[in-house]
Amino acid sequence: MWIWIWLAVIVLSMVVEFVTMEMVSIWFVLGGLVALIMAGCGVSLVWQVIAMIVISAASMLGFRKLALKLLKKDNQATNLDRTFGQKTKLLTDITDDSLGTIKVNGLVYNAKSEDGSNIASGAEVELIRLDGNKYIVKEIKK
């Protein structure tokens, strides 16, 4: 039975790692793998849990900094960076409940106000920065 539980821990940890890509759960895959092997060899549950904890903690403490350093990618400028400071018209309202939309270089993007205020469609806005896949904008008062 514990073989299936350790297998579930491994799979769940892998799924979390693939979703987050933040090096937060890969260590549990290693610990779970050792515990799985121990369960297959008939080692008692206490030793399986101890091995899981020790291997996971040791690999996290020993390799996390190195792994992040090796996987770190420099933030490279994109063409979207050139749009900051540009002005455009808001296509749909920005409200507390919904993002607005804007058109930049012929493409439609979601937009959110910089200060959290509501902005009506048709208002002229300045592109401040990107936050994920949405532009942060501020209304240009006339």
Protein backbone atom coordinates (compact mmCIF):
# COMPACT_ATOMS: atom_id res chain seq x y z
CA MET A 1 0.00 0.00 0.00
CA TRP A 2 2.76 2.47 0.85
CA ILE A 3 4.25 1.97 -2.59
CA TRP A 4 1.12 3.59 -4.07
CA ILE A 5 1.20 6.42 -1.54
CA TRP A 6 4.86 7.21 -2.28
CA LEU A 7 4.11 7.02 -5.99
CA ALA A 8 1.26 9.51 -5.48
CA VAL A 9 3.63 11.83 -3.54
CA ILE A 10 6.12 11.67 -6.41
CA VAL A 11 3.51 12.36 -9.09
CA LEU A 12 1.85 15.16 -7.11
CA SER A 13 5.23 16.79 -6.43
CA MET A 14 6.10 16.60 -10.13
CA VAL A 15 2.78 18.14 -11.13
CA VAL A 16 3.24 21.00 -8.65
CA GLU A 17 6.78 21.58 -9.94
CA PHE A 18 5.67 21.64 -13.57
CA VAL A 19 2.85 24.06 -12.76
CA THR A 20 4.89 26.45 -10.62
CA MET A 21 8.37 26.08 -12.15
CA GLU A 22 9.75 27.62 -8.94
CA MET A 23 11.88 24.75 -7.62
CA VAL A 24 9.56 24.21 -4.66
CA SER A 25 8.58 20.57 -4.84
CA ILE A 26 11.20 18.78 -6.95
CA TRP A 27 12.96 17.87 -3.71
CA PHE A 28 9.97 15.82 -2.57
CA VAL A 29 10.25 13.80 -5.77
CA LEU A 30 13.75 12.73 -4.72
CA GLY A 31 12.68 11.93 -1.16
CA GLY A 32 9.58 10.13 -2.37
CA LEU A 33 11.64 8.06 -4.79
CA VAL A 34 13.94 6.89 -1.99
CA ALA A 35 10.93 6.11 0.22
CA LEU A 36 9.28 4.24 -2.67
CA ILE A 37 12.36 2.06 -3.14
CA MET A 38 12.50 1.42 0.61
CA ALA A 39 8.79 0.45 0.63
CA GLY A 40 9.44 -1.95 -2.22
CA CYS A 41 12.23 -3.55 -0.21
CA GLY A 42 9.98 -3.99 2.83
CA VAL A 43 11.63 -1.40 5.10
CA SER A 44 9.40 -0.21 7.94
CA LEU A 45 7.23 2.88 7.50
CA VAL A 46 9.14 4.84 10.15
CA TRP A 47 12.38 4.54 8.17
CA GLN A 48 10.59 5.39 4.92
CA VAL A 49 9.25 8.63 6.41
CA ILE A 50 12.62 9.49 7.95
CA ALA A 51 14.34 8.88 4.61
CA MET A 52 11.73 10.99 2.79
CA ILE A 53 12.26 13.92 5.17
CA VAL A 54 16.06 13.68 5.29
CA ILE A 55 16.56 13.24 1.53
CA SER A 56 14.08 16.00 0.66
CA ALA A 57 15.59 18.45 3.15
CA ALA A 58 19.19 17.61 2.22
CA SER A 59 18.57 17.95 -1.49
CA MET A 60 16.72 21.23 -1.00
CA LEU A 61 19.43 22.69 1.21
CA GLY A 62 22.27 21.35 -0.89
CA PHE A 63 21.11 21.95 -4.42
CA ARG A 64 18.44 24.67 -4.51
CA LYS A 65 20.85 27.61 -4.82
CA LEU A 66 22.92 25.81 -7.44
CA ALA A 67 19.85 24.77 -9.43
CA LEU A 68 18.37 28.28 -9.38
CA LYS A 69 21.70 29.75 -10.45
CA LEU A 70 22.02 27.31 -13.35
CA LEU A 71 18.42 27.77 -14.45
CA LYS A 72 18.32 31.55 -14.02
CA LYS A 73 17.70 33.36 -17.25
CA ASP A 74 18.52 37.00 -17.68
CA ASN A 75 15.51 39.18 -18.24
CA GLN A 76 15.85 40.17 -21.83
CA ALA A 77 14.08 43.15 -23.30
CA THR A 78 11.23 42.37 -25.64
CA ASN A 79 9.43 44.49 -28.18
CA LEU A 80 6.69 45.00 -25.60
CA ASP A 81 9.16 46.97 -23.47
CA ARG A 82 9.22 49.58 -26.22
CA THR A 83 5.52 50.25 -25.72
CA PHE A 84 5.91 51.64 -22.21
CA GLY A 85 5.05 55.32 -22.21
CA GLN A 86 2.86 55.04 -25.31
CA LYS A 87 -0.69 56.29 -25.21
CA THR A 88 -3.76 54.45 -26.42
CA LYS A 89 -7.54 54.42 -25.93
CA LEU A 90 -9.24 52.04 -23.56
CA LEU A 91 -11.56 49.69 -25.50
CA THR A 92 -13.55 48.40 -22.52
CA ASP A 93 -14.06 49.69 -18.98
CA ILE A 94 -11.64 48.89 -16.17
CA THR A 95 -13.66 48.20 -13.02
CA ASP A 96 -13.09 46.61 -9.64
CA ASP A 97 -14.50 43.37 -11.03
CA SER A 98 -12.98 43.23 -14.50
CA LEU A 99 -9.95 44.08 -16.55
CA GLY A 100 -10.27 46.46 -19.43
CA THR A 101 -8.86 45.96 -22.91
CA ILE A 102 -6.55 48.04 -25.05
CA LYS A 103 -5.09 47.69 -28.51
CA VAL A 104 -1.31 47.94 -28.81
CA ASN A 105 0.41 47.56 -32.18
CA GLY A 106 -2.70 45.93 -33.60
CA LEU A 107 -3.07 43.36 -30.80
CA VAL A 108 -5.64 43.43 -28.00
CA TYR A 109 -4.37 43.11 -24.42
CA ASN A 110 -5.95 43.11 -20.98
CA ALA A 111 -5.36 46.24 -18.95
CA LYS A 112 -5.52 47.11 -15.27
CA SER A 113 -5.28 50.57 -13.73
CA GLU A 114 -2.09 51.41 -11.87
CA ASP A 115 -3.85 52.77 -8.80
CA GLY A 116 -6.86 50.42 -8.84
CA SER A 117 -9.27 53.10 -10.01
CA ASN A 118 -12.09 52.56 -12.50
CA ILE A 119 -11.49 53.94 -15.99
CA ALA A 120 -14.25 54.27 -18.58
CA SER A 121 -13.89 52.95 -22.12
CA GLY A 122 -12.70 55.56 -24.61
CA ALA A 123 -10.40 57.21 -22.08
CA GLU A 124 -6.83 57.84 -23.13
CA VAL A 125 -4.34 55.83 -21.07
CA GLU A 126 -0.56 55.59 -20.83
CA LEU A 127 1.11 52.18 -20.81
CA ILE A 128 3.18 51.93 -17.62
CA ARG A 129 4.44 48.34 -17.40
CA LEU A 130 3.51 44.68 -17.83
CA ASP A 131 2.25 42.51 -15.02
CA GLY A 132 2.15 38.96 -16.34
CA ASN A 133 0.04 39.10 -19.49
CA LYS A 134 -1.69 42.41 -18.78
CA TYR A 135 -0.66 46.01 -19.14
CA ILE A 136 -0.74 48.33 -16.17
CA VAL A 137 -2.07 51.70 -17.36
CA LYS A 138 -2.84 55.11 -15.94
CA GLU A 139 -5.49 57.45 -17.21
CA ILE A 140 -4.34 60.65 -18.87
CA LYS A 141 -6.43 63.45 -17.45
CA LYS A 142 -7.17 66.26 -19.88
